[in-house]
Amino acid sequence: MAESKKRFFHVIRENYCKGCSICVAFCPKHVLELRNSKVFPARPEDCIGCRMCELRCPDFAIEVHPVEEKAKFEQSVSFIDLSLPPEAHHV
């Protein structure tokens, strides 16, 4: 039986992204690109969840989460101020 591919989604804090393209350079699957000087997940279906973009971003402007968490994340997004850095979230 074939195992389904694990999928991921990206949370981008556009206010924090300065368009340095470090995340774009480190993405091994070329998922990310710059649009209007901000990071954009152009091919999210190709993401393998390595989180290199998240780990290398100097401004904490990007997060990677499994798609299974998306519903939980969307429910709690009203309680999370995405303009704050992630270390300020204590949910």
PDB file of N, CA and C in Angstrom:
ATOM      1  N   MET A   1       0.847  -1.173   0.000  1.00  0.00           N
ATOM      2  CA  MET A   1       0.000   0.000   0.000  1.00  0.00           C
ATOM      3  C   MET A   1       0.895   1.239   0.000  1.00  0.00           C
ATOM      4  N   ALA A   2       0.608   2.157  -0.902  1.00  0.00           N
ATOM      5  CA  ALA A   2       1.413   3.367  -1.033  1.00  0.00           C
ATOM      6  C   ALA A   2       1.065   4.353   0.086  1.00  0.00           C
ATOM      7  N   GLU A   3       2.104   4.921   0.654  1.00  0.00           N
ATOM      8  CA  GLU A   3       1.920   5.900   1.711  1.00  0.00           C
ATOM      9  C   GLU A   3       1.723   7.272   1.081  1.00  0.00           C
ATOM     10  N   SER A   4       0.753   8.033   1.564  1.00  0.00           N
ATOM     11  CA  SER A   4       0.523   9.357   0.994  1.00  0.00           C
ATOM     12  C   SER A   4       1.613  10.325   1.461  1.00  0.00           C
ATOM     13  N   LYS A   5       1.928  11.242   0.589  1.00  0.00           N
ATOM     14  CA  LYS A   5       2.980  12.207   0.872  1.00  0.00           C
ATOM     15  C   LYS A   5       2.513  13.189   1.941  1.00  0.00           C
ATOM     16  N   LYS A   6       3.364  13.454   2.905  1.00  0.00           N
ATOM     17  CA  LYS A   6       3.042  14.424   3.948  1.00  0.00           C
ATOM     18  C   LYS A   6       3.086  15.818   3.333  1.00  0.00           C
ATOM     19  N   ARG A   7       2.103  16.645   3.671  1.00  0.00           N
ATOM     20  CA  ARG A   7       2.002  17.985   3.081  1.00  0.00           C
ATOM     21  C   ARG A   7       2.161  19.039   4.160  1.00  0.00           C
ATOM     22  N   PHE A   8       2.600  20.226   3.746  1.00  0.00           N
ATOM     23  CA  PHE A   8       2.897  21.316   4.668  1.00  0.00           C
ATOM     24  C   PHE A   8       2.325  22.623   4.140  1.00  0.00           C
ATOM     25  N   PHE A   9       2.077  23.561   5.064  1.00  0.00           N
ATOM     26  CA  PHE A   9       1.668  24.908   4.670  1.00  0.00           C
ATOM     27  C   PHE A   9       2.591  25.910   5.353  1.00  0.00           C
ATOM     28  N   HIS A  10       2.626  27.113   4.810  1.00  0.00           N
ATOM     29  CA  HIS A  10       3.543  28.151   5.284  1.00  0.00           C
ATOM     30  C   HIS A  10       2.764  29.324   5.858  1.00  0.00           C
ATOM     31  N   VAL A  11       3.261  29.851   6.950  1.00  0.00           N
ATOM     32  CA  VAL A  11       2.731  31.086   7.525  1.00  0.00           C
ATOM     33  C   VAL A  11       3.795  32.150   7.287  1.00  0.00           C
ATOM     34  N   ILE A  12       3.417  33.200   6.581  1.00  0.00           N
ATOM     35  CA  ILE A  12       4.352  34.272   6.238  1.00  0.00           C
ATOM     36  C   ILE A  12       3.941  35.538   6.986  1.00  0.00           C
ATOM     37  N   ARG A  13       4.869  36.112   7.709  1.00  0.00           N
ATOM     38  CA  ARG A  13       4.647  37.416   8.354  1.00  0.00           C
ATOM     39  C   ARG A  13       5.252  38.469   7.431  1.00  0.00           C
ATOM     40  N   GLU A  14       4.417  39.009   6.561  1.00  0.00           N
ATOM     41  CA  GLU A  14       4.909  39.949   5.554  1.00  0.00           C
ATOM     42  C   GLU A  14       5.511  41.195   6.180  1.00  0.00           C
ATOM     43  N   ASN A  15       5.007  41.601   7.334  1.00  0.00           N
ATOM     44  CA  ASN A  15       5.567  42.786   7.999  1.00  0.00           C
ATOM     45  C   ASN A  15       7.006  42.563   8.436  1.00  0.00           C
ATOM     46  N   TYR A  16       7.375  41.311   8.683  1.00  0.00           N
ATOM     47  CA  TYR A  16       8.730  40.993   9.135  1.00  0.00           C
ATOM     48  C   TYR A  16       9.672  40.665   7.990  1.00  0.00           C
ATOM     49  N   CYS A  17       9.128  40.245   6.848  1.00  0.00           N
ATOM     50  CA  CYS A  17       9.959  39.849   5.714  1.00  0.00           C
ATOM     51  C   CYS A  17      10.573  41.078   5.057  1.00  0.00           C
ATOM     52  N   LYS A  18      11.915  41.065   4.977  1.00  0.00           N
ATOM     53  CA  LYS A  18      12.606  42.187   4.334  1.00  0.00           C
ATOM     54  C   LYS A  18      13.079  41.834   2.926  1.00  0.00           C
ATOM     55  N   GLY A  19      12.712  40.644   2.455  1.00  0.00           N
ATOM     56  CA  GLY A  19      13.054  40.248   1.096  1.00  0.00           C
ATOM     57  C   GLY A  19      14.513  39.896   0.901  1.00  0.00           C
ATOM     58  N   CYS A  20      15.157  39.368   1.935  1.00  0.00           N
ATOM     59  CA  CYS A  20      16.585  39.050   1.837  1.00  0.00           C
ATOM     60  C   CYS A  20      16.840  37.807   0.985  1.00  0.00           C
ATOM     61  N   SER A  21      15.833  36.976   0.782  1.00  0.00           N
ATOM     62  CA  SER A  21      15.838  35.751  -0.017  1.00  0.00           C
ATOM     63  C   SER A  21      16.730  34.636   0.530  1.00  0.00           C
ATOM     64  N   ILE A  22      17.086  34.704   1.803  1.00  0.00           N
ATOM     65  CA  ILE A  22      17.847  33.614   2.419  1.00  0.00           C
ATOM     66  C   ILE A  22      17.010  32.337   2.400  1.00  0.00           C
ATOM     67  N   CYS A  23      15.738  32.454   2.725  1.00  0.00           N
ATOM     68  CA  CYS A  23      14.855  31.282   2.733  1.00  0.00           C
ATOM     69  C   CYS A  23      14.737  30.680   1.335  1.00  0.00           C
ATOM     70  N   VAL A  24      14.671  31.527   0.336  1.00  0.00           N
ATOM     71  CA  VAL A  24      14.588  31.065  -1.049  1.00  0.00           C
ATOM     72  C   VAL A  24      15.850  30.294  -1.422  1.00  0.00           C
ATOM     73  N   ALA A  25      16.986  30.803  -1.026  1.00  0.00           N
ATOM     74  CA  ALA A  25      18.263  30.168  -1.350  1.00  0.00           C
ATOM     75  C   ALA A  25      18.434  28.824  -0.650  1.00  0.00           C
ATOM     76  N   PHE A  26      17.934  28.678   0.568  1.00  0.00           N
ATOM     77  CA  PHE A  26      18.130  27.452   1.329  1.00  0.00           C
ATOM     78  C   PHE A  26      17.068  26.385   1.062  1.00  0.00           C
ATOM     79  N   CYS A  27      15.989  26.706   0.392  1.00  0.00           N
ATOM     80  CA  CYS A  27      14.928  25.733   0.131  1.00  0.00           C
ATOM     81  C   CYS A  27      15.422  24.695  -0.884  1.00  0.00           C
ATOM     82  N   PRO A  28      15.543  23.418  -0.452  1.00  0.00           N
ATOM     83  CA  PRO A  28      16.077  22.402  -1.363  1.00  0.00           C
ATOM     84  C   PRO A  28      15.121  22.019  -2.491  1.00  0.00           C
ATOM     85  N   LYS A  29      13.845  22.313  -2.347  1.00  0.00           N
ATOM     86  CA  LYS A  29      12.849  21.945  -3.354  1.00  0.00           C
ATOM     87  C   LYS A  29      12.336  23.138  -4.154  1.00  0.00           C
ATOM     88  N   HIS A  30      12.929  24.305  -3.958  1.00  0.00           N
ATOM     89  CA  HIS A  30      12.563  25.525  -4.699  1.00  0.00           C
ATOM     90  C   HIS A  30      11.073  25.847  -4.560  1.00  0.00           C
ATOM     91  N   VAL A  31      10.569  25.719  -3.342  1.00  0.00           N
ATOM     92  CA  VAL A  31       9.163  25.997  -3.046  1.00  0.00           C
ATOM     93  C   VAL A  31       8.918  27.497  -2.989  1.00  0.00           C
ATOM     94  N   LEU A  32       9.890  28.237  -2.483  1.00  0.00           N
ATOM     95  CA  LEU A  32       9.716  29.669  -2.221  1.00  0.00           C
ATOM     96  C   LEU A  32      10.280  30.531  -3.328  1.00  0.00           C
ATOM     97  N   GLU A  33       9.680  31.710  -3.459  1.00  0.00           N
ATOM     98  CA  GLU A  33      10.216  32.728  -4.359  1.00  0.00           C
ATOM     99  C   GLU A  33       9.818  34.095  -3.817  1.00  0.00           C
ATOM    100  N   LEU A  34      10.456  35.124  -4.331  1.00  0.00           N
ATOM    101  CA  LEU A  34      10.114  36.489  -3.915  1.00  0.00           C
ATOM    102  C   LEU A  34       9.096  37.071  -4.885  1.00  0.00           C
ATOM    103  N   ARG A  35       8.059  37.670  -4.333  1.00  0.00           N
ATOM    104  CA  ARG A  35       7.065  38.404  -5.119  1.00  0.00           C
ATOM    105  C   ARG A  35       6.859  39.739  -4.429  1.00  0.00           C
ATOM    106  N   ASN A  36       7.050  40.801  -5.150  1.00  0.00           N
ATOM    107  CA  ASN A  36       6.942  42.151  -4.588  1.00  0.00           C
ATOM    108  C   ASN A  36       7.849  42.304  -3.368  1.00  0.00           C
ATOM    109  N   SER A  37       9.054  41.750  -3.452  1.00  0.00           N
ATOM    110  CA  SER A  37      10.074  41.823  -2.404  1.00  0.00           C
ATOM    111  C   SER A  37       9.678  41.131  -1.100  1.00  0.00           C
ATOM    112  N   LYS A  38       8.768  40.170  -1.170  1.00  0.00           N
ATOM    113  CA  LYS A  38       8.356  39.386   0.001  1.00  0.00           C
ATOM    114  C   LYS A  38       8.373  37.912  -0.382  1.00  0.00           C
ATOM    115  N   VAL A  39       8.641  37.042   0.599  1.00  0.00           N
ATOM    116  CA  VAL A  39       8.663  35.608   0.334  1.00  0.00           C
ATOM    117  C   VAL A  39       7.245  35.112   0.061  1.00  0.00           C
ATOM    118  N   PHE A  40       7.139  34.152  -0.864  1.00  0.00           N
ATOM    119  CA  PHE A  40       5.849  33.586  -1.245  1.00  0.00           C
ATOM    120  C   PHE A  40       6.034  32.100  -1.529  1.00  0.00           C
ATOM    121  N   PRO A  41       5.185  31.230  -0.965  1.00  0.00           N
ATOM    122  CA  PRO A  41       5.283  29.801  -1.262  1.00  0.00           C
ATOM    123  C   PRO A  41       4.649  29.488  -2.620  1.00  0.00           C
ATOM    124  N   ALA A  42       5.436  29.554  -3.676  1.00  0.00           N
ATOM    125  CA  ALA A  42       4.936  29.391  -5.038  1.00  0.00           C
ATOM    126  C   ALA A  42       4.534  27.946  -5.337  1.00  0.00           C
ATOM    127  N   ARG A  43       5.225  26.976  -4.735  1.00  0.00           N
ATOM    128  CA  ARG A  43       4.946  25.561  -4.979  1.00  0.00           C
ATOM    129  C   ARG A  43       4.841  24.804  -3.642  1.00  0.00           C
ATOM    130  N   PRO A  44       3.820  25.095  -2.816  1.00  0.00           N
ATOM    131  CA  PRO A  44       3.715  24.460  -1.493  1.00  0.00           C
ATOM    132  C   PRO A  44       3.558  22.950  -1.554  1.00  0.00           C
ATOM    133  N   GLU A  45       3.028  22.439  -2.656  1.00  0.00           N
ATOM    134  CA  GLU A  45       2.858  20.985  -2.781  1.00  0.00           C
ATOM    135  C   GLU A  45       4.194  20.248  -2.871  1.00  0.00           C
ATOM    136  N   ASP A  46       5.277  20.971  -3.179  1.00  0.00           N
ATOM    137  CA  ASP A  46       6.611  20.367  -3.262  1.00  0.00           C
ATOM    138  C   ASP A  46       7.371  20.408  -1.934  1.00  0.00           C
ATOM    139  N   CYS A  47       6.814  21.075  -0.928  1.00  0.00           N
ATOM    140  CA  CYS A  47       7.499  21.231   0.362  1.00  0.00           C
ATOM    141  C   CYS A  47       7.660  19.883   1.050  1.00  0.00           C
ATOM    142  N   ILE A  48       8.866  19.618   1.556  1.00  0.00           N
ATOM    143  CA  ILE A  48       9.148  18.366   2.265  1.00  0.00           C
ATOM    144  C   ILE A  48       9.188  18.577   3.779  1.00  0.00           C
ATOM    145  N   GLY A  49       8.968  19.799   4.225  1.00  0.00           N
ATOM    146  CA  GLY A  49       8.910  20.086   5.657  1.00  0.00           C
ATOM    147  C   GLY A  49      10.255  20.116   6.353  1.00  0.00           C
ATOM    148  N   CYS A  50      11.304  20.394   5.644  1.00  0.00           N
ATOM    149  CA  CYS A  50      12.641  20.417   6.260  1.00  0.00           C
ATOM    150  C   CYS A  50      12.830  21.633   7.175  1.00  0.00           C
ATOM    151  N   ARG A  51      12.029  22.657   6.968  1.00  0.00           N
ATOM    152  CA  ARG A  51      12.031  23.889   7.768  1.00  0.00           C
ATOM    153  C   ARG A  51      13.326  24.692   7.642  1.00  0.00           C
ATOM    154  N   MET A  52      14.097  24.461   6.599  1.00  0.00           N
ATOM    155  CA  MET A  52      15.316  25.245   6.404  1.00  0.00           C
ATOM    156  C   MET A  52      14.982  26.728   6.268  1.00  0.00           C
ATOM    157  N   CYS A  53      13.881  27.036   5.619  1.00  0.00           N
ATOM    158  CA  CYS A  53      13.473  28.433   5.460  1.00  0.00           C
ATOM    159  C   CYS A  53      13.205  29.064   6.821  1.00  0.00           C
ATOM    160  N   GLU A  54      12.462  28.341   7.656  1.00  0.00           N
ATOM    161  CA  GLU A  54      12.114  28.829   8.993  1.00  0.00           C
ATOM    162  C   GLU A  54      13.355  28.977   9.865  1.00  0.00           C
ATOM    163  N   LEU A  55      14.237  27.992   9.804  1.00  0.00           N
ATOM    164  CA  LEU A  55      15.431  28.006  10.649  1.00  0.00           C
ATOM    165  C   LEU A  55      16.446  29.065  10.228  1.00  0.00           C
ATOM    166  N   ARG A  56      16.502  29.381   8.942  1.00  0.00           N
ATOM    167  CA  ARG A  56      17.490  30.342   8.441  1.00  0.00           C
ATOM    168  C   ARG A  56      16.996  31.789   8.384  1.00  0.00           C
ATOM    169  N   CYS A  57      15.695  31.993   8.507  1.00  0.00           N
ATOM    170  CA  CYS A  57      15.158  33.357   8.416  1.00  0.00           C
ATOM    171  C   CYS A  57      15.626  34.185   9.608  1.00  0.00           C
ATOM    172  N   PRO A  58      16.364  35.265   9.361  1.00  0.00           N
ATOM    173  CA  PRO A  58      16.865  36.082  10.458  1.00  0.00           C
ATOM    174  C   PRO A  58      15.780  36.906  11.152  1.00  0.00           C
ATOM    175  N   ASP A  59      14.623  37.023  10.539  1.00  0.00           N
ATOM    176  CA  ASP A  59      13.562  37.875  11.075  1.00  0.00           C
ATOM    177  C   ASP A  59      12.327  37.116  11.529  1.00  0.00           C
ATOM    178  N   PHE A  60      12.383  35.779  11.589  1.00  0.00           N
ATOM    179  CA  PHE A  60      11.245  34.953  12.017  1.00  0.00           C
ATOM    180  C   PHE A  60       9.992  35.252  11.192  1.00  0.00           C
ATOM    181  N   ALA A  61      10.181  35.456   9.894  1.00  0.00           N
ATOM    182  CA  ALA A  61       9.074  35.848   9.028  1.00  0.00           C
ATOM    183  C   ALA A  61       8.324  34.667   8.427  1.00  0.00           C
ATOM    184  N   ILE A  62       8.813  33.436   8.609  1.00  0.00           N
ATOM    185  CA  ILE A  62       8.180  32.280   7.983  1.00  0.00           C
ATOM    186  C   ILE A  62       8.127  31.111   8.962  1.00  0.00           C
ATOM    187  N   GLU A  63       7.017  30.371   8.897  1.00  0.00           N
ATOM    188  CA  GLU A  63       6.847  29.150   9.686  1.00  0.00           C
ATOM    189  C   GLU A  63       6.315  28.070   8.757  1.00  0.00           C
ATOM    190  N   VAL A  64       6.681  26.825   9.043  1.00  0.00           N
ATOM    191  CA  VAL A  64       6.205  25.679   8.272  1.00  0.00           C
ATOM    192  C   VAL A  64       5.480  24.745   9.233  1.00  0.00           C
ATOM    193  N   HIS A  65       4.258  24.331   8.846  1.00  0.00           N
ATOM    194  CA  HIS A  65       3.446  23.442   9.668  1.00  0.00           C
ATOM    195  C   HIS A  65       2.862  22.328   8.806  1.00  0.00           C
ATOM    196  N   PRO A  66       2.643  21.141   9.388  1.00  0.00           N
ATOM    197  CA  PRO A  66       1.947  20.081   8.649  1.00  0.00           C
ATOM    198  C   PRO A  66       0.505  20.493   8.359  1.00  0.00           C
ATOM    199  N   VAL A  67      -0.011  20.081   7.217  1.00  0.00           N
ATOM    200  CA  VAL A  67      -1.371  20.434   6.819  1.00  0.00           C
ATOM    201  C   VAL A  67      -2.389  19.944   7.850  1.00  0.00           C
ATOM    202  N   GLU A  68      -2.084  18.839   8.534  1.00  0.00           N
ATOM    203  CA  GLU A  68      -3.008  18.324   9.544  1.00  0.00           C
ATOM    204  C   GLU A  68      -3.266  19.339  10.653  1.00  0.00           C
ATOM    205  N   GLU A  69      -2.327  20.236  10.888  1.00  0.00           N
ATOM    206  CA  GLU A  69      -2.472  21.252  11.938  1.00  0.00           C
ATOM    207  C   GLU A  69      -3.169  22.515  11.442  1.00  0.00           C
ATOM    208  N   LYS A  70      -3.473  22.581  10.149  1.00  0.00           N
ATOM    209  CA  LYS A  70      -4.015  23.812   9.589  1.00  0.00           C
ATOM    210  C   LYS A  70      -5.354  24.192  10.222  1.00  0.00           C
ATOM    211  N   ALA A  71      -6.236  23.231  10.411  1.00  0.00           N
ATOM    212  CA  ALA A  71      -7.538  23.538  11.013  1.00  0.00           C
ATOM    213  C   ALA A  71      -7.361  24.064  12.433  1.00  0.00           C
ATOM    214  N   LYS A  72      -6.507  23.413  13.200  1.00  0.00           N
ATOM    215  CA  LYS A  72      -6.235  23.861  14.565  1.00  0.00           C
ATOM    216  C   LYS A  72      -5.614  25.254  14.552  1.00  0.00           C
ATOM    217  N   PHE A  73      -4.722  25.473  13.603  1.00  0.00           N
ATOM    218  CA  PHE A  73      -4.049  26.766  13.489  1.00  0.00           C
ATOM    219  C   PHE A  73      -5.042  27.861  13.108  1.00  0.00           C
ATOM    220  N   GLU A  74      -5.924  27.566  12.156  1.00  0.00           N
ATOM    221  CA  GLU A  74      -6.909  28.564  11.722  1.00  0.00           C
ATOM    222  C   GLU A  74      -7.882  28.908  12.841  1.00  0.00           C
ATOM    223  N   GLN A  75      -8.214  27.946  13.705  1.00  0.00           N
ATOM    224  CA  GLN A  75      -9.102  28.221  14.830  1.00  0.00           C
ATOM    225  C   GLN A  75      -8.428  29.136  15.841  1.00  0.00           C
ATOM    226  N   SER A  76      -7.138  28.947  16.053  1.00  0.00           N
ATOM    227  CA  SER A  76      -6.442  29.735  17.055  1.00  0.00           C
ATOM    228  C   SER A  76      -5.840  31.018  16.495  1.00  0.00           C
ATOM    229  N   VAL A  77      -5.932  31.239  15.181  1.00  0.00           N
ATOM    230  CA  VAL A  77      -5.302  32.413  14.597  1.00  0.00           C
ATOM    231  C   VAL A  77      -5.916  33.712  15.116  1.00  0.00           C
ATOM    232  N   SER A  78      -7.176  33.667  15.526  1.00  0.00           N
ATOM    233  CA  SER A  78      -7.783  34.875  16.081  1.00  0.00           C
ATOM    234  C   SER A  78      -7.146  35.250  17.413  1.00  0.00           C
ATOM    235  N   PHE A  79      -6.516  34.274  18.081  1.00  0.00           N
ATOM    236  CA  PHE A  79      -5.861  34.536  19.355  1.00  0.00           C
ATOM    237  C   PHE A  79      -4.382  34.878  19.185  1.00  0.00           C
ATOM    238  N   ILE A  80      -3.869  34.718  17.973  1.00  0.00           N
ATOM    239  CA  ILE A  80      -2.445  34.940  17.724  1.00  0.00           C
ATOM    240  C   ILE A  80      -2.275  36.193  16.886  1.00  0.00           C
ATOM    241  N   ASP A  81      -1.477  37.106  17.366  1.00  0.00           N
ATOM    242  CA  ASP A  81      -1.160  38.319  16.618  1.00  0.00           C
ATOM    243  C   ASP A  81       0.040  38.011  15.734  1.00  0.00           C
ATOM    244  N   LEU A  82      -0.188  37.852  14.423  1.00  0.00           N
ATOM    245  CA  LEU A  82       0.892  37.478  13.513  1.00  0.00           C
ATOM    246  C   LEU A  82       1.910  38.589  13.308  1.00  0.00           C
ATOM    247  N   SER A  83       1.645  39.763  13.841  1.00  0.00           N
ATOM    248  CA  SER A  83       2.632  40.830  13.737  1.00  0.00           C
ATOM    249  C   SER A  83       3.709  40.694  14.804  1.00  0.00           C
ATOM    250  N   LEU A  84       3.456  39.838  15.817  1.00  0.00           N
ATOM    251  CA  LEU A  84       4.441  39.600  16.867  1.00  0.00           C
ATOM    252  C   LEU A  84       5.392  38.491  16.451  1.00  0.00           C
ATOM    253  N   PRO A  85       6.621  38.523  16.936  1.00  0.00           N
ATOM    254  CA  PRO A  85       7.529  37.418  16.647  1.00  0.00           C
ATOM    255  C   PRO A  85       7.033  36.141  17.311  1.00  0.00           C
ATOM    256  N   PRO A  86       7.335  34.970  16.753  1.00  0.00           N
ATOM    257  CA  PRO A  86       6.783  33.718  17.288  1.00  0.00           C
ATOM    258  C   PRO A  86       7.164  33.435  18.737  1.00  0.00           C
ATOM    259  N   GLU A  87       8.294  33.927  19.196  1.00  0.00           N
ATOM    260  CA  GLU A  87       8.682  33.664  20.580  1.00  0.00           C
ATOM    261  C   GLU A  87       7.784  34.389  21.578  1.00  0.00           C
ATOM    262  N   ALA A  88       6.961  35.323  21.115  1.00  0.00           N
ATOM    263  CA  ALA A  88       6.044  36.052  21.985  1.00  0.00           C
ATOM    264  C   ALA A  88       4.726  35.312  22.179  1.00  0.00           C
ATOM    265  N   HIS A  89       4.515  34.204  21.440  1.00  0.00           N
ATOM    266  CA  HIS A  89       3.279  33.447  21.517  1.00  0.00           C
ATOM    267  C   HIS A  89       3.394  32.391  22.591  1.00  0.00           C
ATOM    268  N   HIS A  90       2.488  32.436  23.521  1.00  0.00           N
ATOM    269  CA  HIS A  90       2.463  31.450  24.600  1.00  0.00           C
ATOM    270  C   HIS A  90       1.066  30.892  24.698  1.00  0.00           C
ATOM    271  N   VAL A  91       0.628  30.202  23.653  1.00  0.00           N
ATOM    272  CA  VAL A  91      -0.721  29.651  23.600  1.00  0.00           C
ATOM    273  C   VAL A  91      -0.778  28.336  24.309  1.00  0.00           C
TER     274      VAL A  91
END
